[in-house]
Amino acid sequence: MIVKSMPNLVLAGDIGGTKALIGAFEPAPVRPRRRFARAYGTHDHPELPAIIETFMRDAGITREAIGAACFGVAGPVIDEAADLTNVPWRIDAREITRAFGFPGVRLLNDLVAMAYSVPVLEPSELHVLQAGVANATGNIAIIAAGTGLGEGMLHNIGGRWVAAPTEAGHSDFAARTEREIALMRDLTQRYGRADNEHVISGRGLINIHRVAHREPCLAVKDLAAPSAAALISLAGLDRTCPGCVETLDLFVEAYGAETGNLALRSVATGGVFVGGGIAPKILPAIVEGSFIKAFNAKPPLDAMLRAMPVSVILNDEAGLLGAAVFANSI
């Protein structure tokens, strides 16, 4: 429990399509110290201020104790406001300031928030997929699949890290193989177009599942169930259902290929980091090799990609930590 009188705490949030993670941090020169954090179901609340109010009560924190606040949100942030992509919410930093009186409230795209965590992550919080050789002055790329797909960049500008948002998760899906072309056709018929998030996300696993199964699925009876994507992944990892194995294989290859696309777009010689909720859960499938093979298959620049370090972020609070790092700098 947080001591109520503790002053100048940093309030941080990672607001996603499924859960909202809120935390209180004690300021520190490099990496703020996490004092209390809790996750809340995003769809269980009408708006972000209701979650903040609940968190403050759960943590025993007074409004006066907050010295700065920053929230990473799953959607484009324009003029300190955002309409979330997968939740019917509009979040406005000015409204949060008026409601709580916090000084220095900022909103960041969720991948921008995650990006700010990368320079302070410990080696134990990463799983290296490709060692590469990091260029100390190079850019960094971050991609994260979960409820949706987010992509971001961390630019090295004069020795200072500056994160840049993207909405590349909604850019067009680039099919590379015959089975991906079949998937793209199905997605185009279903949605009118095929974007990356239709493939590389929890919903993507379900979309791929529909195309990959030539026979009835042995693992998932109801694709509308909240647990469907997790069950598909588990059956693919355990190899208990041939269709789920193919689903997971296609997902991993598409994930690796799009990660390579982002690495090219950002010239990420400083490293590439794979975050989000899905990658750690399917890590055995990712380390098997098809992810990195698809990542590197970009001639004529495949040699540049093979030199890039690629790691999976294991810290499931990286987005929250990054929001705290940014708030700590306000």
C-alpha atoms as a PDB file:
ATOM      1  CA  MET A   1       0.000   0.000   0.000  1.00  0.00           C
ATOM      2  CA  ILE A   2       1.251   3.477  -0.857  1.00  0.00           C
ATOM      3  CA  VAL A   3       1.767   5.870   2.042  1.00  0.00           C
ATOM      4  CA  LYS A   4      -0.823   8.614   1.528  1.00  0.00           C
ATOM      5  CA  SER A   5       1.511  11.461   2.383  1.00  0.00           C
ATOM      6  CA  MET A   6       4.271  10.407  -0.047  1.00  0.00           C
ATOM      7  CA  PRO A   7       4.698  13.435  -2.349  1.00  0.00           C
ATOM      8  CA  ASN A   8       5.567  13.783  -6.036  1.00  0.00           C
ATOM      9  CA  LEU A   9       4.609  10.321  -7.194  1.00  0.00           C
ATOM     10  CA  VAL A  10       4.422   9.633 -10.912  1.00  0.00           C
ATOM     11  CA  LEU A  11       1.090   8.221 -12.089  1.00  0.00           C
ATOM     12  CA  ALA A  12       1.351   6.101 -15.235  1.00  0.00           C
ATOM     13  CA  GLY A  13      -1.071   4.112 -17.341  1.00  0.00           C
ATOM     14  CA  ASP A  14      -1.029   1.651 -20.232  1.00  0.00           C
ATOM     15  CA  ILE A  15      -4.542   1.714 -21.656  1.00  0.00           C
ATOM     16  CA  GLY A  16      -5.183  -1.121 -24.095  1.00  0.00           C
ATOM     17  CA  GLY A  17      -8.130  -2.684 -25.822  1.00  0.00           C
ATOM     18  CA  THR A  18      -8.578  -5.379 -23.169  1.00  0.00           C
ATOM     19  CA  LYS A  19      -7.012  -4.099 -19.958  1.00  0.00           C
ATOM     20  CA  ALA A  20      -5.920  -0.829 -18.413  1.00  0.00           C
ATOM     21  CA  LEU A  21      -2.778  -1.081 -16.297  1.00  0.00           C
ATOM     22  CA  ILE A  22      -2.304   1.806 -13.859  1.00  0.00           C
ATOM     23  CA  GLY A  23       0.725   2.301 -11.631  1.00  0.00           C
ATOM     24  CA  ALA A  24       2.280   4.706  -9.147  1.00  0.00           C
ATOM     25  CA  PHE A  25       6.039   5.206  -9.321  1.00  0.00           C
ATOM     26  CA  GLU A  26       8.588   6.953  -7.187  1.00  0.00           C
ATOM     27  CA  PRO A  27      10.747   9.293  -9.331  1.00  0.00           C
ATOM     28  CA  ALA A  28      14.350   8.238  -9.961  1.00  0.00           C
ATOM     29  CA  PRO A  29      17.135   9.545 -12.239  1.00  0.00           C
ATOM     30  CA  VAL A  30      16.899   6.714 -14.815  1.00  0.00           C
ATOM     31  CA  ARG A  31      14.174   4.189 -14.049  1.00  0.00           C
ATOM     32  CA  PRO A  32      11.268   5.204 -11.786  1.00  0.00           C
ATOM     33  CA  ARG A  33      10.622   2.762  -8.938  1.00  0.00           C
ATOM     34  CA  ARG A  34       7.288   0.952  -9.142  1.00  0.00           C
ATOM     35  CA  ARG A  35       5.390   1.242  -5.864  1.00  0.00           C
ATOM     36  CA  PHE A  36       1.928  -0.070  -6.723  1.00  0.00           C
ATOM     37  CA  ALA A  37       0.199  -1.221  -9.915  1.00  0.00           C
ATOM     38  CA  ARG A  38      -3.092  -2.834 -10.769  1.00  0.00           C
ATOM     39  CA  ALA A  39      -4.880  -3.992 -13.928  1.00  0.00           C
ATOM     40  CA  TYR A  40      -8.521  -3.249 -14.685  1.00  0.00           C
ATOM     41  CA  GLY A  41     -10.778  -4.535 -17.455  1.00  0.00           C
ATOM     42  CA  THR A  42     -11.069  -1.709 -19.957  1.00  0.00           C
ATOM     43  CA  HIS A  43     -14.600  -2.645 -20.999  1.00  0.00           C
ATOM     44  CA  ASP A  44     -15.677  -2.880 -17.337  1.00  0.00           C
ATOM     45  CA  HIS A  45     -15.498   0.921 -16.990  1.00  0.00           C
ATOM     46  CA  PRO A  46     -17.231   3.770 -18.838  1.00  0.00           C
ATOM     47  CA  GLU A  47     -14.113   5.957 -19.136  1.00  0.00           C
ATOM     48  CA  LEU A  48     -10.519   6.342 -17.990  1.00  0.00           C
ATOM     49  CA  PRO A  49     -11.237   8.782 -15.107  1.00  0.00           C
ATOM     50  CA  ALA A  50     -13.389   6.086 -13.456  1.00  0.00           C
ATOM     51  CA  ILE A  51     -10.421   3.694 -13.532  1.00  0.00           C
ATOM     52  CA  ILE A  52      -8.073   6.363 -12.180  1.00  0.00           C
ATOM     53  CA  GLU A  53     -10.488   7.072  -9.327  1.00  0.00           C
ATOM     54  CA  THR A  54     -10.676   3.368  -8.470  1.00  0.00           C
ATOM     55  CA  PHE A  55      -6.908   3.009  -8.632  1.00  0.00           C
ATOM     56  CA  MET A  56      -6.322   5.994  -6.351  1.00  0.00           C
ATOM     57  CA  ARG A  57      -8.672   4.452  -3.820  1.00  0.00           C
ATOM     58  CA  ASP A  58      -7.126   0.966  -4.159  1.00  0.00           C
ATOM     59  CA  ALA A  59      -3.605   2.349  -3.744  1.00  0.00           C
ATOM     60  CA  GLY A  60      -4.472   4.749  -0.944  1.00  0.00           C
ATOM     61  CA  ILE A  61      -3.055   7.744  -2.830  1.00  0.00           C
ATOM     62  CA  THR A  62      -4.258  11.300  -2.493  1.00  0.00           C
ATOM     63  CA  ARG A  63      -4.492  13.547  -5.531  1.00  0.00           C
ATOM     64  CA  GLU A  64      -1.972  15.900  -3.953  1.00  0.00           C
ATOM     65  CA  ALA A  65       0.663  13.147  -3.980  1.00  0.00           C
ATOM     66  CA  ILE A  66       0.788  13.050  -7.812  1.00  0.00           C
ATOM     67  CA  GLY A  67       3.501  15.240  -9.315  1.00  0.00           C
ATOM     68  CA  ALA A  68       3.042  14.167 -12.948  1.00  0.00           C
ATOM     69  CA  ALA A  69       0.909  11.748 -14.937  1.00  0.00           C
ATOM     70  CA  CYS A  70       1.277  10.054 -18.314  1.00  0.00           C
ATOM     71  CA  PHE A  71      -0.958   7.538 -20.054  1.00  0.00           C
ATOM     72  CA  GLY A  72      -0.091   5.407 -23.067  1.00  0.00           C
ATOM     73  CA  VAL A  73      -3.271   4.817 -25.069  1.00  0.00           C
ATOM     74  CA  ALA A  74      -4.074   2.456 -27.934  1.00  0.00           C
ATOM     75  CA  GLY A  75      -4.865   4.993 -30.618  1.00  0.00           C
ATOM     76  CA  PRO A  76      -3.535   8.087 -32.369  1.00  0.00           C
ATOM     77  CA  VAL A  77      -2.947  11.029 -30.020  1.00  0.00           C
ATOM     78  CA  ILE A  78      -3.783  14.370 -31.597  1.00  0.00           C
ATOM     79  CA  ASP A  79      -3.711  17.617 -29.605  1.00  0.00           C
ATOM     80  CA  GLU A  80      -3.493  15.724 -26.281  1.00  0.00           C
ATOM     81  CA  ALA A  81      -6.628  13.683 -27.023  1.00  0.00           C
ATOM     82  CA  ALA A  82      -7.264  10.234 -28.460  1.00  0.00           C
ATOM     83  CA  ASP A  83     -10.128   8.117 -29.706  1.00  0.00           C
ATOM     84  CA  LEU A  84      -9.159   4.572 -28.791  1.00  0.00           C
ATOM     85  CA  THR A  85      -9.086   2.117 -31.677  1.00  0.00           C
ATOM     86  CA  ASN A  86     -10.636  -0.925 -29.978  1.00  0.00           C
ATOM     87  CA  VAL A  87     -12.575   0.743 -27.150  1.00  0.00           C
ATOM     88  CA  PRO A  88     -15.416   3.289 -27.536  1.00  0.00           C
ATOM     89  CA  TRP A  89     -13.596   5.894 -25.451  1.00  0.00           C
ATOM     90  CA  ARG A  90     -12.264   9.375 -26.042  1.00  0.00           C
ATOM     91  CA  ILE A  91      -9.462  10.334 -23.657  1.00  0.00           C
ATOM     92  CA  ASP A  92      -8.485  13.978 -23.230  1.00  0.00           C
ATOM     93  CA  ALA A  93      -5.518  14.988 -21.070  1.00  0.00           C
ATOM     94  CA  ARG A  94      -7.174  18.329 -20.286  1.00  0.00           C
ATOM     95  CA  GLU A  95     -10.273  16.616 -18.924  1.00  0.00           C
ATOM     96  CA  ILE A  96      -8.117  14.436 -16.658  1.00  0.00           C
ATOM     97  CA  THR A  97      -6.327  17.568 -15.433  1.00  0.00           C
ATOM     98  CA  ARG A  98      -9.660  19.255 -14.662  1.00  0.00           C
ATOM     99  CA  ALA A  99     -11.058  16.149 -12.962  1.00  0.00           C
ATOM    100  CA  PHE A 100      -8.088  15.420 -10.703  1.00  0.00           C
ATOM    101  CA  GLY A 101      -5.911  18.504 -10.660  1.00  0.00           C
ATOM    102  CA  PHE A 102      -2.781  16.545 -11.573  1.00  0.00           C
ATOM    103  CA  PRO A 103       0.025  18.748 -12.925  1.00  0.00           C
ATOM    104  CA  GLY A 104       1.649  17.844 -16.226  1.00  0.00           C
ATOM    105  CA  VAL A 105      -0.834  15.262 -17.583  1.00  0.00           C
ATOM    106  CA  ARG A 106       0.318  13.836 -20.932  1.00  0.00           C
ATOM    107  CA  LEU A 107      -1.059  11.293 -23.379  1.00  0.00           C
ATOM    108  CA  LEU A 108       1.170   9.140 -25.581  1.00  0.00           C
ATOM    109  CA  ASN A 109       0.396   6.525 -28.168  1.00  0.00           C
ATOM    110  CA  ASP A 110       0.852   3.183 -26.393  1.00  0.00           C
ATOM    111  CA  LEU A 111       3.809   2.179 -28.585  1.00  0.00           C
ATOM    112  CA  VAL A 112       5.483   5.514 -27.892  1.00  0.00           C
ATOM    113  CA  ALA A 113       5.089   4.772 -24.183  1.00  0.00           C
ATOM    114  CA  MET A 114       6.529   1.277 -24.652  1.00  0.00           C
ATOM    115  CA  ALA A 115       9.414   2.735 -26.655  1.00  0.00           C
ATOM    116  CA  TYR A 116      10.489   4.885 -23.722  1.00  0.00           C
ATOM    117  CA  SER A 117      10.877   1.737 -21.601  1.00  0.00           C
ATOM    118  CA  VAL A 118      13.417   0.153 -23.971  1.00  0.00           C
ATOM    119  CA  PRO A 119      16.532   2.090 -22.863  1.00  0.00           C
ATOM    120  CA  VAL A 120      15.910   1.183 -19.201  1.00  0.00           C
ATOM    121  CA  LEU A 121      15.033  -2.512 -19.586  1.00  0.00           C
ATOM    122  CA  GLU A 122      17.349  -5.020 -17.921  1.00  0.00           C
ATOM    123  CA  PRO A 123      18.820  -7.965 -19.887  1.00  0.00           C
ATOM    124  CA  SER A 124      16.677 -10.323 -17.807  1.00  0.00           C
ATOM    125  CA  GLU A 125      13.583  -8.583 -19.219  1.00  0.00           C
ATOM    126  CA  LEU A 126      14.494  -9.511 -22.793  1.00  0.00           C
ATOM    127  CA  HIS A 127      14.777 -12.716 -24.814  1.00  0.00           C
ATOM    128  CA  VAL A 128      17.285 -12.339 -27.651  1.00  0.00           C
ATOM    129  CA  LEU A 129      16.147 -13.747 -30.993  1.00  0.00           C
ATOM    130  CA  GLN A 130      19.052 -12.394 -33.023  1.00  0.00           C
ATOM    131  CA  ALA A 131      22.162 -11.032 -31.335  1.00  0.00           C
ATOM    132  CA  GLY A 132      23.256  -8.733 -34.138  1.00  0.00           C
ATOM    133  CA  VAL A 133      25.481  -5.747 -33.417  1.00  0.00           C
ATOM    134  CA  ALA A 134      23.698  -2.682 -32.088  1.00  0.00           C
ATOM    135  CA  ASN A 135      24.704   0.674 -33.510  1.00  0.00           C
ATOM    136  CA  ALA A 136      24.851   3.028 -30.529  1.00  0.00           C
ATOM    137  CA  THR A 137      23.685   5.959 -32.666  1.00  0.00           C
ATOM    138  CA  GLY A 138      21.055   4.000 -34.620  1.00  0.00           C
ATOM    139  CA  ASN A 139      17.276   4.073 -34.418  1.00  0.00           C
ATOM    140  CA  ILE A 140      15.208   1.498 -32.522  1.00  0.00           C
ATOM    141  CA  ALA A 141      11.960  -0.117 -33.703  1.00  0.00           C
ATOM    142  CA  ILE A 142       9.186  -1.471 -31.461  1.00  0.00           C
ATOM    143  CA  ILE A 143       6.281  -3.680 -32.534  1.00  0.00           C
ATOM    144  CA  ALA A 144       3.645  -5.204 -30.271  1.00  0.00           C
ATOM    145  CA  ALA A 145       0.753  -7.549 -31.034  1.00  0.00           C
ATOM    146  CA  GLY A 146      -2.023  -8.070 -28.516  1.00  0.00           C
ATOM    147  CA  THR A 147      -5.660  -7.070 -28.817  1.00  0.00           C
ATOM    148  CA  GLY A 148      -4.423  -4.933 -31.726  1.00  0.00           C
ATOM    149  CA  LEU A 149      -1.107  -4.302 -33.442  1.00  0.00           C
ATOM    150  CA  GLY A 150       1.061  -1.322 -32.600  1.00  0.00           C
ATOM    151  CA  GLU A 151       4.309  -0.111 -34.125  1.00  0.00           C
ATOM    152  CA  GLY A 152       6.614   2.682 -33.028  1.00  0.00           C
ATOM    153  CA  MET A 153      10.109   4.068 -33.422  1.00  0.00           C
ATOM    154  CA  LEU A 154      12.729   5.477 -31.107  1.00  0.00           C
ATOM    155  CA  HIS A 155      15.000   7.942 -32.904  1.00  0.00           C
ATOM    156  CA  ASN A 156      18.472   8.740 -31.651  1.00  0.00           C
ATOM    157  CA  ILE A 157      18.728  12.512 -32.052  1.00  0.00           C
ATOM    158  CA  GLY A 158      22.001  13.895 -30.813  1.00  0.00           C
ATOM    159  CA  GLY A 159      22.276  11.185 -28.171  1.00  0.00           C
ATOM    160  CA  ARG A 160      18.716  11.758 -26.920  1.00  0.00           C
ATOM    161  CA  TRP A 161      15.937   9.231 -27.458  1.00  0.00           C
ATOM    162  CA  VAL A 162      12.808  10.666 -29.076  1.00  0.00           C
ATOM    163  CA  ALA A 163       9.900   8.310 -29.730  1.00  0.00           C
ATOM    164  CA  ALA A 164       7.663   8.618 -32.789  1.00  0.00           C
ATOM    165  CA  PRO A 165       4.193   7.095 -33.141  1.00  0.00           C
ATOM    166  CA  THR A 166       2.784   5.278 -36.146  1.00  0.00           C
ATOM    167  CA  GLU A 167      -0.533   3.728 -37.105  1.00  0.00           C
ATOM    168  CA  ALA A 168       1.213   1.098 -39.215  1.00  0.00           C
ATOM    169  CA  GLY A 169      -0.875  -1.628 -37.600  1.00  0.00           C
ATOM    170  CA  HIS A 170      -3.665  -0.475 -39.905  1.00  0.00           C
ATOM    171  CA  SER A 171      -1.515  -0.296 -43.025  1.00  0.00           C
ATOM    172  CA  ASP A 172      -2.111  -2.847 -45.775  1.00  0.00           C
ATOM    173  CA  PHE A 173      -1.152  -6.450 -45.133  1.00  0.00           C
ATOM    174  CA  ALA A 174       1.544  -7.520 -47.607  1.00  0.00           C
ATOM    175  CA  ALA A 175       0.974 -11.148 -48.601  1.00  0.00           C
ATOM    176  CA  ARG A 176       4.187 -12.989 -49.552  1.00  0.00           C
ATOM    177  CA  THR A 177       3.142 -16.603 -50.128  1.00  0.00           C
ATOM    178  CA  GLU A 178       0.258 -18.523 -51.703  1.00  0.00           C
ATOM    179  CA  ARG A 179      -1.326 -19.258 -48.315  1.00  0.00           C
ATOM    180  CA  GLU A 180      -1.006 -15.594 -47.318  1.00  0.00           C
ATOM    181  CA  ILE A 181      -2.637 -14.617 -50.618  1.00  0.00           C
ATOM    182  CA  ALA A 182      -5.541 -16.949 -49.772  1.00  0.00           C
ATOM    183  CA  LEU A 183      -5.769 -15.289 -46.359  1.00  0.00           C
ATOM    184  CA  MET A 184      -5.712 -11.813 -47.927  1.00  0.00           C
ATOM    185  CA  ARG A 185      -8.554 -12.768 -50.268  1.00  0.00           C
ATOM    186  CA  ASP A 186     -10.641 -13.966 -47.348  1.00  0.00           C
ATOM    187  CA  LEU A 187      -9.917 -10.829 -45.316  1.00  0.00           C
ATOM    188  CA  THR A 188     -10.758  -8.573 -48.268  1.00  0.00           C
ATOM    189  CA  GLN A 189     -14.102 -10.305 -48.695  1.00  0.00           C
ATOM    190  CA  ARG A 190     -14.783 -10.138 -44.970  1.00  0.00           C
ATOM    191  CA  TYR A 191     -13.639  -6.578 -44.174  1.00  0.00           C
ATOM    192  CA  GLY A 192     -13.301  -4.797 -47.507  1.00  0.00           C
ATOM    193  CA  ARG A 193      -9.506  -4.634 -47.147  1.00  0.00           C
ATOM    194  CA  ALA A 194      -6.749  -6.581 -45.384  1.00  0.00           C
ATOM    195  CA  ASP A 195      -4.684  -4.664 -42.862  1.00  0.00           C
ATOM    196  CA  ASN A 196      -1.853  -5.876 -40.637  1.00  0.00           C
ATOM    197  CA  GLU A 197      -3.993  -5.942 -37.524  1.00  0.00           C
ATOM    198  CA  HIS A 198      -6.411  -8.328 -39.247  1.00  0.00           C
ATOM    199  CA  VAL A 199      -3.518 -10.829 -39.245  1.00  0.00           C
ATOM    200  CA  ILE A 200      -1.078  -9.951 -36.450  1.00  0.00           C
ATOM    201  CA  SER A 201      -3.221  -9.678 -33.325  1.00  0.00           C
ATOM    202  CA  GLY A 202      -5.527 -11.806 -31.194  1.00  0.00           C
ATOM    203  CA  ARG A 203      -8.268 -11.262 -33.754  1.00  0.00           C
ATOM    204  CA  GLY A 204      -5.702 -12.127 -36.431  1.00  0.00           C
ATOM    205  CA  LEU A 205      -5.242 -15.601 -34.995  1.00  0.00           C
ATOM    206  CA  ILE A 206      -8.995 -16.138 -35.360  1.00  0.00           C
ATOM    207  CA  ASN A 207      -9.008 -14.784 -38.936  1.00  0.00           C
ATOM    208  CA  ILE A 208      -6.125 -17.078 -39.899  1.00  0.00           C
ATOM    209  CA  HIS A 209      -7.850 -20.002 -38.161  1.00  0.00           C
ATOM    210  CA  ARG A 210     -10.854 -19.675 -40.494  1.00  0.00           C
ATOM    211  CA  VAL A 211      -8.641 -20.081 -43.548  1.00  0.00           C
ATOM    212  CA  ALA A 212      -6.161 -22.641 -42.218  1.00  0.00           C
ATOM    213  CA  HIS A 213      -8.695 -25.267 -41.138  1.00  0.00           C
ATOM    214  CA  ARG A 214      -9.642 -27.659 -43.891  1.00  0.00           C
ATOM    215  CA  GLU A 215     -11.220 -30.002 -41.312  1.00  0.00           C
ATOM    216  CA  PRO A 216     -13.115 -29.250 -38.065  1.00  0.00           C
ATOM    217  CA  CYS A 217     -10.905 -27.780 -35.346  1.00  0.00           C
ATOM    218  CA  LEU A 218      -9.966 -30.159 -32.560  1.00  0.00           C
ATOM    219  CA  ALA A 219      -9.276 -27.400 -30.032  1.00  0.00           C
ATOM    220  CA  VAL A 220     -11.720 -24.501 -30.457  1.00  0.00           C
ATOM    221  CA  LYS A 221     -15.467 -24.918 -30.695  1.00  0.00           C
ATOM    222  CA  ASP A 222     -16.503 -21.250 -30.550  1.00  0.00           C
ATOM    223  CA  LEU A 223     -14.378 -18.649 -32.327  1.00  0.00           C
ATOM    224  CA  ALA A 224     -16.453 -15.899 -30.713  1.00  0.00           C
ATOM    225  CA  ALA A 225     -15.393 -16.959 -27.218  1.00  0.00           C
ATOM    226  CA  PRO A 226     -12.965 -14.599 -25.401  1.00  0.00           C
ATOM    227  CA  SER A 227     -10.538 -17.509 -24.960  1.00  0.00           C
ATOM    228  CA  ALA A 228     -10.515 -18.538 -28.642  1.00  0.00           C
ATOM    229  CA  ALA A 229      -7.187 -16.922 -29.615  1.00  0.00           C
ATOM    230  CA  ALA A 230      -5.453 -18.356 -26.536  1.00  0.00           C
ATOM    231  CA  LEU A 231      -6.820 -21.840 -27.261  1.00  0.00           C
ATOM    232  CA  ILE A 232      -5.648 -21.636 -30.877  1.00  0.00           C
ATOM    233  CA  SER A 233      -2.152 -20.658 -29.729  1.00  0.00           C
ATOM    234  CA  LEU A 234      -2.035 -23.434 -27.137  1.00  0.00           C
ATOM    235  CA  ALA A 235      -3.170 -26.086 -29.621  1.00  0.00           C
ATOM    236  CA  GLY A 236      -0.601 -24.799 -32.101  1.00  0.00           C
ATOM    237  CA  LEU A 237       2.190 -24.965 -29.540  1.00  0.00           C
ATOM    238  CA  ASP A 238       1.139 -28.419 -28.337  1.00  0.00           C
ATOM    239  CA  ARG A 239       0.573 -29.562 -31.936  1.00  0.00           C
ATOM    240  CA  THR A 240      -2.739 -31.147 -30.968  1.00  0.00           C
ATOM    241  CA  CYS A 241      -4.654 -29.735 -33.954  1.00  0.00           C
ATOM    242  CA  PRO A 242      -3.096 -29.602 -37.456  1.00  0.00           C
ATOM    243  CA  GLY A 243      -5.139 -26.556 -38.416  1.00  0.00           C
ATOM    244  CA  CYS A 244      -4.050 -24.676 -35.298  1.00  0.00           C
ATOM    245  CA  VAL A 245      -0.425 -25.609 -36.011  1.00  0.00           C
ATOM    246  CA  GLU A 246      -0.765 -24.094 -39.485  1.00  0.00           C
ATOM    247  CA  THR A 247      -2.537 -21.050 -37.988  1.00  0.00           C
ATOM    248  CA  LEU A 248       0.284 -20.409 -35.549  1.00  0.00           C
ATOM    249  CA  ASP A 249       2.950 -21.012 -38.201  1.00  0.00           C
ATOM    250  CA  LEU A 250       1.362 -18.480 -40.548  1.00  0.00           C
ATOM    251  CA  PHE A 251       0.904 -15.986 -37.707  1.00  0.00           C
ATOM    252  CA  VAL A 252       4.556 -16.206 -36.641  1.00  0.00           C
ATOM    253  CA  GLU A 253       5.843 -15.817 -40.204  1.00  0.00           C
ATOM    254  CA  ALA A 254       3.580 -12.827 -40.852  1.00  0.00           C
ATOM    255  CA  TYR A 255       4.664 -11.282 -37.544  1.00  0.00           C
ATOM    256  CA  GLY A 256       8.338 -11.730 -38.440  1.00  0.00           C
ATOM    257  CA  ALA A 257       7.840 -10.318 -41.942  1.00  0.00           C
ATOM    258  CA  GLU A 258       6.050  -7.194 -40.682  1.00  0.00           C
ATOM    259  CA  THR A 259       8.694  -6.716 -37.992  1.00  0.00           C
ATOM    260  CA  GLY A 260      11.277  -6.752 -40.775  1.00  0.00           C
ATOM    261  CA  ASN A 261       9.197  -4.213 -42.717  1.00  0.00           C
ATOM    262  CA  LEU A 262       9.221  -1.898 -39.698  1.00  0.00           C
ATOM    263  CA  ALA A 263      12.975  -2.400 -39.292  1.00  0.00           C
ATOM    264  CA  LEU A 264      13.439  -1.288 -42.902  1.00  0.00           C
ATOM    265  CA  ARG A 265      11.135   1.716 -42.557  1.00  0.00           C
ATOM    266  CA  SER A 266      12.979   2.942 -39.467  1.00  0.00           C
ATOM    267  CA  VAL A 267      16.503   1.700 -40.371  1.00  0.00           C
ATOM    268  CA  ALA A 268      16.576   0.178 -36.882  1.00  0.00           C
ATOM    269  CA  THR A 269      20.298  -0.457 -36.568  1.00  0.00           C
ATOM    270  CA  GLY A 270      20.010   0.255 -32.836  1.00  0.00           C
ATOM    271  CA  GLY A 271      17.794  -2.793 -32.361  1.00  0.00           C
ATOM    272  CA  VAL A 272      14.279  -4.170 -32.819  1.00  0.00           C
ATOM    273  CA  PHE A 273      12.028  -5.012 -29.878  1.00  0.00           C
ATOM    274  CA  VAL A 274       8.915  -7.198 -29.965  1.00  0.00           C
ATOM    275  CA  GLY A 275       6.496  -6.349 -27.174  1.00  0.00           C
ATOM    276  CA  GLY A 276       2.817  -6.931 -26.488  1.00  0.00           C
ATOM    277  CA  GLY A 277       0.965  -9.741 -24.817  1.00  0.00           C
ATOM    278  CA  ILE A 278       1.178 -12.405 -27.508  1.00  0.00           C
ATOM    279  CA  ALA A 279       4.912 -12.824 -28.152  1.00  0.00           C
ATOM    280  CA  PRO A 280       5.908 -14.045 -24.648  1.00  0.00           C
ATOM    281  CA  LYS A 281       3.000 -16.517 -24.665  1.00  0.00           C
ATOM    282  CA  ILE A 282       4.060 -18.099 -27.964  1.00  0.00           C
ATOM    283  CA  LEU A 283       7.812 -17.699 -27.434  1.00  0.00           C
ATOM    284  CA  PRO A 284       8.615 -21.349 -28.300  1.00  0.00           C
ATOM    285  CA  ALA A 285       7.056 -20.838 -31.745  1.00  0.00           C
ATOM    286  CA  ILE A 286       8.890 -17.538 -32.236  1.00  0.00           C
ATOM    287  CA  VAL A 287      12.319 -18.899 -31.296  1.00  0.00           C
ATOM    288  CA  GLU A 288      11.820 -21.920 -33.598  1.00  0.00           C
ATOM    289  CA  GLY A 289      13.220 -19.847 -36.447  1.00  0.00           C
ATOM    290  CA  SER A 290      10.504 -18.883 -38.927  1.00  0.00           C
ATOM    291  CA  PHE A 291      10.055 -15.463 -37.317  1.00  0.00           C
ATOM    292  CA  ILE A 292      13.687 -14.441 -37.832  1.00  0.00           C
ATOM    293  CA  LYS A 293      13.808 -16.092 -41.255  1.00  0.00           C
ATOM    294  CA  ALA A 294      10.863 -13.952 -42.399  1.00  0.00           C
ATOM    295  CA  PHE A 295      12.368 -10.905 -40.675  1.00  0.00           C
ATOM    296  CA  ASN A 296      15.641 -11.222 -42.578  1.00  0.00           C
ATOM    297  CA  ALA A 297      14.202 -12.197 -45.985  1.00  0.00           C
ATOM    298  CA  LYS A 298      14.424  -8.683 -47.435  1.00  0.00           C
ATOM    299  CA  PRO A 299      16.958  -8.666 -50.280  1.00  0.00           C
ATOM    300  CA  PRO A 300      18.819  -6.576 -51.243  1.00  0.00           C
ATOM    301  CA  LEU A 301      19.007  -5.372 -47.598  1.00  0.00           C
ATOM    302  CA  ASP A 302      18.993  -8.764 -45.883  1.00  0.00           C
ATOM    303  CA  ALA A 303      22.581  -8.316 -44.667  1.00  0.00           C
ATOM    304  CA  MET A 304      21.605  -5.095 -42.881  1.00  0.00           C
ATOM    305  CA  LEU A 305      18.680  -6.859 -41.222  1.00  0.00           C
ATOM    306  CA  ARG A 306      20.828  -9.808 -40.112  1.00  0.00           C
ATOM    307  CA  ALA A 307      23.063  -7.300 -38.300  1.00  0.00           C
ATOM    308  CA  MET A 308      20.159  -5.841 -36.308  1.00  0.00           C
ATOM    309  CA  PRO A 309      19.636  -7.105 -32.736  1.00  0.00           C
ATOM    310  CA  VAL A 310      16.110  -8.466 -32.272  1.00  0.00           C
ATOM    311  CA  SER A 311      14.616  -9.210 -28.840  1.00  0.00           C
ATOM    312  CA  VAL A 312      11.259 -10.088 -27.308  1.00  0.00           C
ATOM    313  CA  ILE A 313      10.277  -7.921 -24.336  1.00  0.00           C
ATOM    314  CA  LEU A 314       9.380 -10.236 -21.434  1.00  0.00           C
ATOM    315  CA  ASN A 315       8.322  -7.486 -19.022  1.00  0.00           C
ATOM    316  CA  ASP A 316       4.532  -7.379 -19.371  1.00  0.00           C
ATOM    317  CA  GLU A 317       4.491  -3.906 -17.815  1.00  0.00           C
ATOM    318  CA  ALA A 318       6.857  -2.335 -20.353  1.00  0.00           C
ATOM    319  CA  GLY A 319       4.214   0.095 -21.612  1.00  0.00           C
ATOM    320  CA  LEU A 320       3.418   1.179 -18.063  1.00  0.00           C
ATOM    321  CA  LEU A 321       7.115   1.579 -17.269  1.00  0.00           C
ATOM    322  CA  GLY A 322       7.679   3.661 -20.387  1.00  0.00           C
ATOM    323  CA  ALA A 323       4.793   5.981 -19.497  1.00  0.00           C
ATOM    324  CA  ALA A 324       6.381   6.410 -16.057  1.00  0.00           C
ATOM    325  CA  VAL A 325       9.795   7.113 -17.629  1.00  0.00           C
ATOM    326  CA  PHE A 326       8.228   9.845 -19.762  1.00  0.00           C
ATOM    327  CA  ALA A 327       6.246  11.327 -16.847  1.00  0.00           C
ATOM    328  CA  ASN A 328       9.414  11.277 -14.785  1.00  0.00           C
ATOM    329  CA  SER A 329      10.972  13.608 -17.374  1.00  0.00           C
ATOM    330  CA  ILE A 330       8.125  16.162 -17.406  1.00  0.00           C
END
